[in-house]
Amino acid sequence: MATLFDTGFQSRPLRPHQTLAMTMIRQSMLAGNKRVVCQLPTGAGKTRLAAEIVNGALSKDRTVAFTVPALSLIDQTVEAFAMEGIDCVGVMQGDHELRNMAQPVQVCSVQTLAKRGCPDVDLVIVDEAHLRFKVLAEWMAKRPNVPFIGLSATPWAKGMADDWQDLVRPVGMQDLINQGYLAPFRVYAPTHPDLSGVRTKAGEYHEGDLSEVMGDRVLVADIVRTWLKLADWQPTLVFAVDRAHAAKLQSEFAEAGVPMGYCDAFTDRIERKVLFDQMSRGSIAGIVNVGTLTTGVDADVRCIVLANPTKSEMRHVQIVGRALRTAPGKVEALILDHADNHSRLGFVTDINHEKLLKGGEKNKTKKEKGDPLPKECPSCNTLKAQKVRKCPVCQFEPTAQSDIETEDGELIEVKAGAKRKPSMADKAAFYGQLLGIAQSRGRSAGWAAHAYKDKFGVWPIGEAKAARPMPATPEVLAFVRAKDIRFAKRKAK
């Protein structure tokens, strides 16, 4: 039995997962579903799949609307369709030069649909279907016999099951990495912001509180320092909390001799294109942005800087996905997580949900389910899977520690559940790490000694005083960061 989007048009060959997606959508519709969401990871070729569906509809003289959630995606979609042989396109967006309601394919901004009404078409394809809009829900309700196909990398929004009937998942992100369609990635967690005092609003971190924490001078400086050390001027997207935070990061990069562009919700599509052209030419190293470059980015991005803590799996996956597209000479993507998002939500390849949510439902995160989360290599700060002992980057492998320690010539047993008193070796290691931090950040040995006294109540003596600088563990970094934040707040007062 033929369906609405069977196609005789011969364009670029579909990839295996795109062919499977077509099959699964077709089967779902043959089963009676008129509202089908197809989950495809970033870089899996959603627009190529959409073009195949559109060409199938056109071959049967059917009309199609393709909706996008942002104005910046209009021209990108029109250009992508043209590459697939679809040039009978009208655009519903403001006074766009391609506005023509007589064309059988209409590329529509959701904002324009809300103002002008929805076109009378035979098929609707909804891009980024997880971004729920009232106008689309009303359109579905008014036209129950018109098929709607939703496309999304993250179809996990609350209430999607109230509008959509079925979810098909032809391929996972890790599958695409294994098959070479997406780039592998490496995650570093060089800093760990103290978010204990940040409030939660509507299930997400309070932006004002978050901006204050993430805008801390020491943390901002460390973001730049880490990028200089690890990113090696690779094309980068930096994700900030708000406009003030983004401006502060851009300024700090500039002081370090690194030109970065700036993008927020008020940056128009022409300015954005200029920014990406500049990044591709190397005249800027990257773009600092405020939540605007989470969709529709087809550029060669090789590094992501996460400076925006989030509780949202959708936002986490969308952001990291910006760096996973393959490109000539690209071996892997680098993710610098200064927001602890991976420690909270896990690797993006491990985040999967099998069904659409109703209005009162919520997906549990890996942490909420008690699933193992990535752990940090104490030697190089790379994140690795929980069960991996040897670090795949620096080859560090922790050795088992005995519950028996020696101190002052006596054996001391550490009781289960008891808080172990730090030994002199512990104190020496702590002081050595403080000296390492002081050395890397241009601080004095006196600063390290005062920090040691803050921790243990005494000045370093004996074995501790003889310690040599060494790399800091996350625990010591967290201690220093908290100390710096307290100092900055006292100074501000």
Protein backbone atom coordinates (compact mmCIF):
# COMPACT_ATOMS: atom_id res chain seq x y z
CA MET A 1 0.00 0.00 0.00
CA ALA A 2 1.48 3.34 -1.03
CA THR A 3 1.65 6.18 1.46
CA LEU A 4 1.71 9.93 1.12
CA PHE A 5 5.47 10.20 0.98
CA ASP A 6 6.54 7.23 -1.15
CA THR A 7 8.92 8.78 -3.65
CA GLY A 8 10.08 8.16 -7.17
CA PHE A 9 12.51 11.09 -6.99
CA GLN A 10 16.18 10.03 -7.13
CA SER A 11 18.35 12.37 -5.09
CA ARG A 12 21.42 11.62 -3.03
CA PRO A 13 21.23 8.06 -1.68
CA LEU A 14 19.78 7.86 1.79
CA ARG A 15 22.02 6.61 4.55
CA PRO A 16 20.93 3.31 6.11
CA HIS A 17 19.47 4.99 9.21
CA GLN A 18 17.53 7.44 7.03
CA THR A 19 16.08 4.57 5.00
CA LEU A 20 15.11 2.87 8.26
CA ALA A 21 13.52 6.12 9.48
CA MET A 22 11.39 6.30 6.32
CA THR A 23 10.31 2.70 6.84
CA MET A 24 9.43 3.22 10.51
CA ILE A 25 7.43 6.40 9.82
CA ARG A 26 5.58 4.66 7.00
CA GLN A 27 4.78 1.63 9.19
CA SER A 28 3.53 3.85 12.00
CA MET A 29 1.21 5.72 9.65
CA LEU A 30 -0.05 2.49 8.09
CA ALA A 31 -0.90 1.42 11.64
CA GLY A 32 -3.24 4.43 11.84
CA ASN A 33 -1.05 7.08 13.46
CA LYS A 34 -1.43 10.58 12.01
CA ARG A 35 1.00 12.23 14.44
CA VAL A 36 4.45 10.59 14.33
CA VAL A 37 7.68 11.91 15.85
CA CYS A 38 10.98 10.65 14.44
CA GLN A 39 13.97 10.99 16.76
CA LEU A 40 17.21 11.57 14.88
CA PRO A 41 20.39 12.72 16.64
CA THR A 42 22.06 15.97 15.62
CA GLY A 43 23.98 15.39 12.40
CA ALA A 44 21.86 12.40 11.35
CA GLY A 45 20.41 14.30 8.39
CA LYS A 46 16.94 15.44 9.43
CA THR A 47 16.67 17.87 6.52
CA ARG A 48 17.75 15.19 4.03
CA LEU A 49 15.04 12.91 5.42
CA ALA A 50 12.50 15.74 5.24
CA ALA A 51 13.45 16.39 1.61
CA GLU A 52 12.82 12.75 0.78
CA ILE A 53 9.37 12.96 2.34
CA VAL A 54 8.63 16.26 0.55
CA ASN A 55 9.68 14.87 -2.82
CA GLY A 56 7.46 11.86 -2.25
CA ALA A 57 4.49 14.12 -1.56
CA LEU A 58 5.23 16.30 -4.61
CA SER A 59 5.34 13.23 -6.84
CA LYS A 60 1.68 12.70 -5.89
CA ASP A 61 0.75 16.35 -6.41
CA ARG A 62 0.38 16.90 -2.65
CA THR A 63 1.20 20.12 -0.81
CA VAL A 64 3.52 20.32 2.17
CA ALA A 65 4.30 22.75 4.98
CA PHE A 66 7.66 22.54 6.79
CA THR A 67 7.67 24.52 10.05
CA VAL A 68 10.76 25.87 11.81
CA PRO A 69 10.93 27.37 15.32
CA ALA A 70 13.40 30.17 14.55
CA LEU A 71 13.73 32.75 11.79
CA SER A 72 17.40 31.87 11.39
CA LEU A 73 16.39 28.42 10.10
CA ILE A 74 14.24 29.67 7.21
CA ASP A 75 16.94 30.36 4.62
CA GLN A 76 18.97 27.38 5.80
CA THR A 77 16.02 25.09 5.09
CA VAL A 78 15.28 26.67 1.70
CA GLU A 79 18.92 26.20 0.66
CA ALA A 80 18.96 22.59 1.89
CA PHE A 81 15.77 21.80 -0.04
CA ALA A 82 17.21 23.39 -3.20
CA MET A 83 20.21 21.05 -2.94
CA GLU A 84 17.74 18.15 -3.00
CA GLY A 85 15.99 19.42 -6.14
CA ILE A 86 13.10 21.13 -4.33
CA ASP A 87 12.77 24.63 -5.77
CA CYS A 88 8.96 25.04 -5.73
CA VAL A 89 9.16 26.70 -2.32
CA GLY A 90 7.31 29.63 -0.82
CA VAL A 91 8.27 31.17 2.50
CA MET A 92 5.87 32.26 5.22
CA GLN A 93 8.00 34.63 7.26
CA GLY A 94 7.55 38.39 7.41
CA ASP A 95 8.16 40.02 4.03
CA HIS A 96 10.53 37.33 2.83
CA GLU A 97 11.50 37.66 -0.83
CA LEU A 98 10.27 34.10 -1.54
CA ARG A 99 6.80 34.66 -0.15
CA ASN A 100 4.44 32.88 -2.56
CA MET A 101 1.40 31.02 -1.27
CA ALA A 102 0.88 29.38 -4.69
CA GLN A 103 3.95 27.17 -4.27
CA PRO A 104 3.24 23.56 -3.19
CA VAL A 105 5.93 23.62 -0.50
CA GLN A 106 5.72 26.27 2.22
CA VAL A 107 8.58 26.80 4.66
CA CYS A 108 6.96 28.51 7.63
CA SER A 109 8.21 30.20 10.76
CA VAL A 110 6.07 29.36 13.76
CA GLN A 111 5.90 33.05 14.62
CA THR A 112 4.31 33.87 11.25
CA LEU A 113 1.83 30.99 11.55
CA ALA A 114 0.66 32.43 14.86
CA LYS A 115 0.08 35.84 13.24
CA ARG A 116 -1.26 34.95 9.80
CA GLY A 117 -2.80 31.51 10.21
CA CYS A 118 -1.82 28.11 8.88
CA PRO A 119 -1.82 27.08 5.22
CA ASP A 120 -4.20 24.44 3.88
CA VAL A 121 -1.82 21.60 2.97
CA ASP A 122 -1.84 17.80 2.69
CA LEU A 123 1.17 17.15 4.96
CA VAL A 124 2.96 19.03 7.73
CA ILE A 125 6.56 18.39 8.83
CA VAL A 126 7.49 19.98 12.16
CA ASP A 127 11.20 20.62 12.73
CA GLU A 128 12.44 20.63 16.35
CA ALA A 129 9.14 19.10 17.44
CA HIS A 130 10.17 19.11 21.12
CA LEU A 131 9.72 22.90 21.12
CA ARG A 132 5.99 22.91 21.67
CA PHE A 133 3.99 25.82 20.24
CA LYS A 134 0.33 26.56 20.84
CA VAL A 135 -0.31 27.35 17.17
CA LEU A 136 0.90 23.90 16.09
CA ALA A 137 -1.22 22.12 18.71
CA GLU A 138 -4.27 24.09 17.53
CA TRP A 139 -3.45 23.28 13.90
CA MET A 140 -3.32 19.57 14.73
CA ALA A 141 -6.64 19.76 16.55
CA LYS A 142 -8.36 21.55 13.65
CA ARG A 143 -7.03 19.20 10.96
CA PRO A 144 -7.19 15.67 12.47
CA ASN A 145 -6.92 13.98 9.05
CA VAL A 146 -3.77 15.81 7.95
CA PRO A 147 -0.58 13.81 8.72
CA PHE A 148 1.97 15.58 10.91
CA ILE A 149 5.57 14.30 11.09
CA GLY A 150 7.73 15.69 13.87
CA LEU A 151 11.54 15.70 13.73
CA SER A 152 13.68 16.08 16.84
CA ALA A 153 16.98 14.98 18.36
CA THR A 154 15.47 15.32 21.84
CA PRO A 155 11.72 14.52 21.89
CA TRP A 156 11.51 14.51 25.68
CA ALA A 157 9.45 17.63 26.44
CA LYS A 158 6.56 17.30 28.88
CA GLY A 159 3.20 16.96 27.18
CA MET A 160 4.40 15.80 23.75
CA ALA A 161 2.22 12.67 24.08
CA ASP A 162 -0.81 14.97 24.33
CA ASP A 163 -0.23 16.09 20.72
CA TRP A 164 1.68 13.20 19.13
CA GLN A 165 0.70 9.53 18.88
CA ASP A 166 3.91 7.65 18.23
CA LEU A 167 7.70 7.92 18.56
CA VAL A 168 10.08 6.10 16.21
CA ARG A 169 13.80 5.88 16.98
CA PRO A 170 15.75 4.47 14.01
CA VAL A 171 19.27 5.10 15.31
CA GLY A 172 21.16 6.29 18.40
CA MET A 173 23.96 8.82 18.73
CA GLN A 174 26.56 6.21 19.68
CA ASP A 175 25.55 4.12 16.65
CA LEU A 176 26.22 7.10 14.38
CA ILE A 177 29.61 7.67 16.02
CA ASN A 178 30.50 3.99 15.57
CA GLN A 179 29.45 4.16 11.90
CA GLY A 180 31.51 7.31 11.27
CA TYR A 181 28.56 9.63 10.63
CA LEU A 182 29.27 11.62 13.82
CA ALA A 183 32.60 12.50 15.42
CA PRO A 184 33.71 10.89 18.68
CA PHE A 185 34.20 13.29 21.57
CA ARG A 186 36.31 13.77 24.65
CA VAL A 187 35.05 15.56 27.77
CA TYR A 188 37.18 17.43 30.30
CA ALA A 189 35.81 18.65 33.61
CA PRO A 190 38.49 21.13 34.72
CA THR A 191 36.38 23.07 37.24
CA HIS A 192 33.43 22.36 39.48
CA PRO A 193 31.28 25.40 40.31
CA ASP A 194 29.59 25.48 43.68
CA LEU A 195 25.87 25.56 42.81
CA SER A 196 24.63 24.74 46.30
CA GLY A 197 23.24 28.26 46.77
CA VAL A 198 21.64 28.52 43.31
CA ARG A 199 17.85 28.42 43.39
CA THR A 200 15.68 26.38 41.03
CA LYS A 201 12.89 27.99 38.99
CA ALA A 202 10.52 25.97 36.78
CA GLY A 203 12.84 22.97 36.96
CA GLU A 204 15.94 24.88 35.85
CA TYR A 205 18.65 26.84 37.64
CA HIS A 206 17.75 30.44 38.51
CA GLU A 207 19.51 32.51 35.85
CA GLY A 208 20.42 35.43 38.12
CA ASP A 209 21.96 33.19 40.78
CA LEU A 210 23.72 31.17 38.11
CA SER A 211 25.19 34.24 36.46
CA GLU A 212 26.69 35.37 39.75
CA VAL A 213 28.37 32.02 40.37
CA MET A 214 29.57 31.43 36.80
CA GLY A 215 30.70 35.04 36.43
CA ASP A 216 33.20 34.66 39.26
CA ARG A 217 36.49 36.21 38.15
CA VAL A 218 38.57 33.16 39.02
CA LEU A 219 36.24 30.77 37.21
CA VAL A 220 36.06 32.97 34.09
CA ALA A 221 39.85 33.22 34.00
CA ASP A 222 40.11 29.43 34.36
CA ILE A 223 37.73 28.92 31.41
CA VAL A 224 40.06 30.93 29.18
CA ARG A 225 43.20 29.32 30.60
CA THR A 226 41.84 25.82 30.05
CA TRP A 227 40.81 26.64 26.48
CA LEU A 228 44.28 27.98 25.69
CA LYS A 229 45.81 24.82 27.11
CA LEU A 230 43.54 22.20 25.52
CA ALA A 231 41.63 23.62 22.56
CA ASP A 232 44.62 24.78 20.50
CA TRP A 233 42.53 27.43 18.69
CA GLN A 234 40.02 24.95 17.32
CA PRO A 235 36.69 26.49 16.13
CA THR A 236 34.72 26.89 19.34
CA LEU A 237 31.24 27.66 20.61
CA VAL A 238 31.12 28.99 24.18
CA PHE A 239 27.76 28.71 25.96
CA ALA A 240 27.19 31.38 28.62
CA VAL A 241 24.46 31.92 31.23
CA ASP A 242 23.24 35.36 30.15
CA ARG A 243 24.33 38.38 28.13
CA ALA A 244 26.43 39.90 30.91
CA HIS A 245 28.22 36.60 31.46
CA ALA A 246 28.81 36.19 27.72
CA ALA A 247 30.26 39.69 27.47
CA LYS A 248 32.55 38.98 30.43
CA LEU A 249 33.80 35.77 28.81
CA GLN A 250 34.35 37.48 25.47
CA SER A 251 36.30 40.25 27.21
CA GLU A 252 38.46 37.75 29.14
CA PHE A 253 39.28 35.89 25.92
CA ALA A 254 40.18 39.20 24.26
CA GLU A 255 42.55 40.08 27.12
CA ALA A 256 44.29 36.76 26.49
CA GLY A 257 44.72 37.69 22.83
CA VAL A 258 41.88 35.46 21.58
CA PRO A 259 39.26 37.15 19.37
CA MET A 260 35.78 35.70 19.96
CA GLY A 261 32.51 36.71 18.33
CA TYR A 262 29.35 37.36 20.30
CA CYS A 263 25.81 36.12 19.59
CA ASP A 264 22.52 36.41 21.45
CA ALA A 265 18.81 36.47 20.62
CA PHE A 266 19.14 39.96 19.11
CA THR A 267 21.85 38.95 16.62
CA ASP A 268 20.16 38.74 13.21
CA ARG A 269 20.72 35.99 10.63
CA ILE A 270 23.10 38.10 8.51
CA GLU A 271 25.30 38.90 11.50
CA ARG A 272 25.31 35.22 12.48
CA LYS A 273 26.38 34.21 9.00
CA VAL A 274 29.22 36.72 9.16
CA LEU A 275 30.32 35.30 12.52
CA PHE A 276 30.41 31.74 11.21
CA ASP A 277 32.26 32.87 8.07
CA GLN A 278 34.83 34.60 10.28
CA MET A 279 35.21 31.48 12.42
CA SER A 280 35.67 29.26 9.35
CA ARG A 281 38.40 31.62 8.05
CA GLY A 282 40.11 31.77 11.45
CA SER A 283 39.73 35.52 11.91
CA ILE A 284 37.90 34.72 15.16
CA ALA A 285 38.54 31.64 17.27
CA GLY A 286 34.90 31.03 18.07
CA ILE A 287 31.60 32.52 19.21
CA VAL A 288 30.44 33.21 22.75
CA ASN A 289 26.67 32.89 22.79
CA VAL A 290 23.65 32.90 25.07
CA GLY A 291 21.48 29.88 24.29
CA THR A 292 20.97 30.78 20.63
CA LEU A 293 23.22 28.30 18.83
CA THR A 294 21.58 25.11 20.06
CA THR A 295 19.85 24.36 16.73
CA GLY A 296 20.56 24.85 13.06
CA VAL A 297 24.35 25.01 13.35
CA ASP A 298 25.94 23.18 10.41
CA ALA A 299 29.38 24.73 10.84
CA ASP A 300 32.64 22.94 11.53
CA VAL A 301 32.72 23.24 15.33
CA ARG A 302 35.46 21.30 17.11
CA CYS A 303 35.22 22.54 20.68
CA ILE A 304 32.34 23.31 23.01
CA VAL A 305 32.84 25.27 26.23
CA LEU A 306 30.05 24.62 28.72
CA ALA A 307 29.86 27.61 31.06
CA ASN A 308 26.09 27.31 31.52
CA PRO A 309 25.00 24.73 34.12
CA THR A 310 21.69 23.11 33.25
CA LYS A 311 19.32 20.50 34.62
CA SER A 312 17.81 19.91 31.17
CA GLU A 313 18.81 16.77 29.28
CA MET A 314 17.40 18.29 26.10
CA ARG A 315 19.54 21.40 26.35
CA HIS A 316 22.59 19.34 27.28
CA VAL A 317 22.24 17.02 24.27
CA GLN A 318 21.44 19.84 21.83
CA ILE A 319 24.48 21.86 22.90
CA VAL A 320 27.04 19.05 22.82
CA GLY A 321 25.60 17.91 19.50
CA ARG A 322 26.81 21.15 17.89
CA ALA A 323 30.36 19.76 17.87
CA LEU A 324 29.64 16.22 16.69
CA ARG A 325 29.31 16.81 12.96
CA THR A 326 32.18 15.32 11.00
CA ALA A 327 34.56 17.47 8.94
CA PRO A 328 37.75 16.93 6.93
CA GLY A 329 40.69 16.42 9.27
CA LYS A 330 38.46 16.26 12.35
CA VAL A 331 39.46 13.41 14.65
CA GLU A 332 37.26 14.15 17.63
CA ALA A 333 35.29 16.91 19.32
CA LEU A 334 36.53 18.50 22.54
CA ILE A 335 34.03 19.34 25.28
CA LEU A 336 35.26 21.54 28.14
CA ASP A 337 32.63 21.19 30.86
CA HIS A 338 33.04 23.97 33.42
CA ALA A 339 29.39 23.56 34.43
CA ASP A 340 29.42 19.98 35.80
CA ASN A 341 26.66 19.09 33.32
CA HIS A 342 28.15 15.67 32.58
CA SER A 343 28.52 14.85 36.25
CA ARG A 344 24.84 15.75 36.65
CA LEU A 345 23.34 14.34 33.44
CA GLY A 346 25.88 11.92 31.96
CA PHE A 347 27.38 11.53 28.50
CA VAL A 348 24.99 12.57 25.73
CA THR A 349 25.41 9.14 24.13
CA ASP A 350 23.89 7.55 27.24
CA ILE A 351 20.75 9.70 27.44
CA ASN A 352 17.84 7.80 25.91
CA HIS A 353 14.09 7.70 26.54
CA GLU A 354 11.73 5.33 24.78
CA LYS A 355 8.40 7.14 24.90
CA LEU A 356 6.77 10.54 24.60
CA LEU A 357 5.70 12.20 27.84
CA LYS A 358 2.21 13.21 28.86
CA GLY A 359 1.65 16.55 30.57
CA GLY A 360 2.09 15.27 34.12
CA GLU A 361 5.04 12.99 33.41
CA LYS A 362 8.76 13.63 33.73
CA ASN A 363 11.76 11.67 32.57
CA LYS A 364 14.20 10.84 35.35
CA THR A 365 17.82 11.76 34.74
CA LYS A 366 20.54 9.15 35.16
CA LYS A 367 21.40 10.67 38.53
CA GLU A 368 17.78 10.52 39.68
CA LYS A 369 17.57 6.87 38.58
CA GLY A 370 20.80 6.02 40.38
CA ASP A 371 22.53 5.03 37.12
CA PRO A 372 26.33 5.30 36.98
CA LEU A 373 27.58 8.70 35.86
CA PRO A 374 30.94 9.58 34.29
CA LYS A 375 33.85 9.82 36.68
CA GLU A 376 36.81 12.13 36.46
CA CYS A 377 40.39 11.07 35.99
CA PRO A 378 42.25 12.64 38.95
CA SER A 379 45.34 13.02 36.78
CA CYS A 380 44.09 14.85 33.66
CA ASN A 381 40.43 15.79 34.42
CA THR A 382 39.08 13.75 31.50
CA LEU A 383 35.68 12.19 32.11
CA LYS A 384 35.45 8.44 31.53
CA ALA A 385 32.78 5.79 31.91
CA GLN A 386 32.19 4.60 35.46
CA LYS A 387 33.63 1.10 34.96
CA VAL A 388 36.74 2.20 33.06
CA ARG A 389 39.75 2.05 35.37
CA LYS A 390 42.61 3.18 33.16
CA CYS A 391 42.20 6.67 31.74
CA PRO A 392 42.10 6.40 27.92
CA VAL A 393 43.84 9.79 27.62
CA CYS A 394 46.70 9.83 30.13
CA GLN A 395 46.70 6.09 31.00
CA PHE A 396 46.48 6.85 34.72
CA GLU A 397 45.13 3.89 36.69
CA PRO A 398 44.23 4.27 40.38
CA THR A 399 45.59 1.66 42.74
CA ALA A 400 43.53 0.03 45.45
CA GLN A 401 43.89 1.68 48.86
CA SER A 402 44.06 -0.35 52.03
CA ASP A 403 41.83 0.39 55.01
CA ILE A 404 44.94 0.19 57.21
CA GLU A 405 47.31 3.13 57.38
CA THR A 406 50.41 3.89 59.39
CA GLU A 407 50.91 7.06 61.36
CA ASP A 408 53.55 7.81 63.99
CA GLY A 409 54.69 4.21 64.04
CA GLU A 410 51.26 2.73 64.80
CA LEU A 411 48.72 0.88 62.72
CA ILE A 412 45.34 2.61 62.64
CA GLU A 413 42.26 0.83 61.34
CA VAL A 414 39.70 2.97 59.58
CA LYS A 415 36.26 1.78 60.68
CA ALA A 416 33.53 1.42 58.07
CA GLY A 417 31.40 4.55 57.98
CA ALA A 418 33.83 6.51 60.14
CA LYS A 419 35.39 9.73 58.89
CA ARG A 420 39.11 9.09 58.53
CA LYS A 421 41.47 11.53 60.14
CA PRO A 422 43.82 12.92 57.48
CA SER A 423 47.30 11.48 57.79
CA MET A 424 50.49 13.47 57.36
CA ALA A 425 50.78 11.97 53.87
CA ASP A 426 47.28 13.27 53.10
CA LYS A 427 48.24 16.72 54.33
CA ALA A 428 51.47 16.65 52.34
CA ALA A 429 49.56 15.70 49.18
CA PHE A 430 47.03 18.46 49.83
CA TYR A 431 49.77 21.05 50.27
CA GLY A 432 51.56 19.81 47.15
CA GLN A 433 48.36 20.31 45.16
CA LEU A 434 47.93 23.81 46.61
CA LEU A 435 51.48 24.59 45.50
CA GLY A 436 50.62 23.24 42.04
CA ILE A 437 47.59 25.53 41.85
CA ALA A 438 49.66 28.47 43.05
CA GLN A 439 52.29 27.76 40.42
CA SER A 440 49.77 27.46 37.55
CA ARG A 441 47.79 30.55 38.59
CA GLY A 442 50.69 32.84 39.44
CA ARG A 443 50.06 32.81 43.19
CA SER A 444 52.67 32.79 45.94
CA ALA A 445 53.76 29.96 48.22
CA GLY A 446 52.42 32.10 51.03
CA TRP A 447 48.94 31.84 49.53
CA ALA A 448 49.28 28.03 49.53
CA ALA A 449 50.36 28.05 53.17
CA HIS A 450 47.39 30.19 54.22
CA ALA A 451 45.02 27.93 52.27
CA TYR A 452 46.53 24.92 54.03
CA LYS A 453 45.95 26.60 57.39
CA ASP A 454 42.33 27.31 56.41
CA LYS A 455 41.90 23.59 55.77
CA PHE A 456 43.73 22.04 58.72
CA GLY A 457 44.00 24.86 61.27
CA VAL A 458 47.81 24.70 61.40
CA TRP A 459 50.69 25.83 59.21
CA PRO A 460 52.42 23.22 57.00
CA ILE A 461 55.29 21.56 58.85
CA GLY A 462 57.49 18.49 58.47
CA GLU A 463 56.49 16.22 55.58
CA ALA A 464 53.81 18.63 54.40
CA LYS A 465 56.20 21.58 54.21
CA ALA A 466 58.59 19.49 52.10
CA ALA A 467 55.89 18.71 49.49
CA ARG A 468 56.50 19.50 45.83
CA PRO A 469 53.93 21.04 43.44
CA MET A 470 51.63 18.46 41.85
CA PRO A 471 48.39 18.36 39.80
CA ALA A 472 45.26 19.07 41.84
CA THR A 473 42.38 16.64 42.30
CA PRO A 474 38.75 17.80 41.87
CA GLU A 475 38.37 17.91 45.65
CA VAL A 476 41.27 20.32 46.11
CA LEU A 477 40.14 22.43 43.17
CA ALA A 478 36.67 22.62 44.69
CA PHE A 479 38.14 23.70 48.04
CA VAL A 480 40.16 26.48 46.40
CA ARG A 481 37.23 27.61 44.29
CA ALA A 482 34.97 27.87 47.33
CA LYS A 483 37.69 29.79 49.15
CA ASP A 484 38.07 32.22 46.23
CA ILE A 485 34.32 32.76 46.02
CA ARG A 486 34.13 33.53 49.75
CA PHE A 487 37.02 35.96 49.40
CA ALA A 488 35.42 37.69 46.38
CA LYS A 489 32.10 38.08 48.20
CA ARG A 490 33.79 39.53 51.29
CA LYS A 491 35.73 41.94 49.09
CA ALA A 492 32.54 42.99 47.30
CA LYS A 493 30.81 43.74 50.59
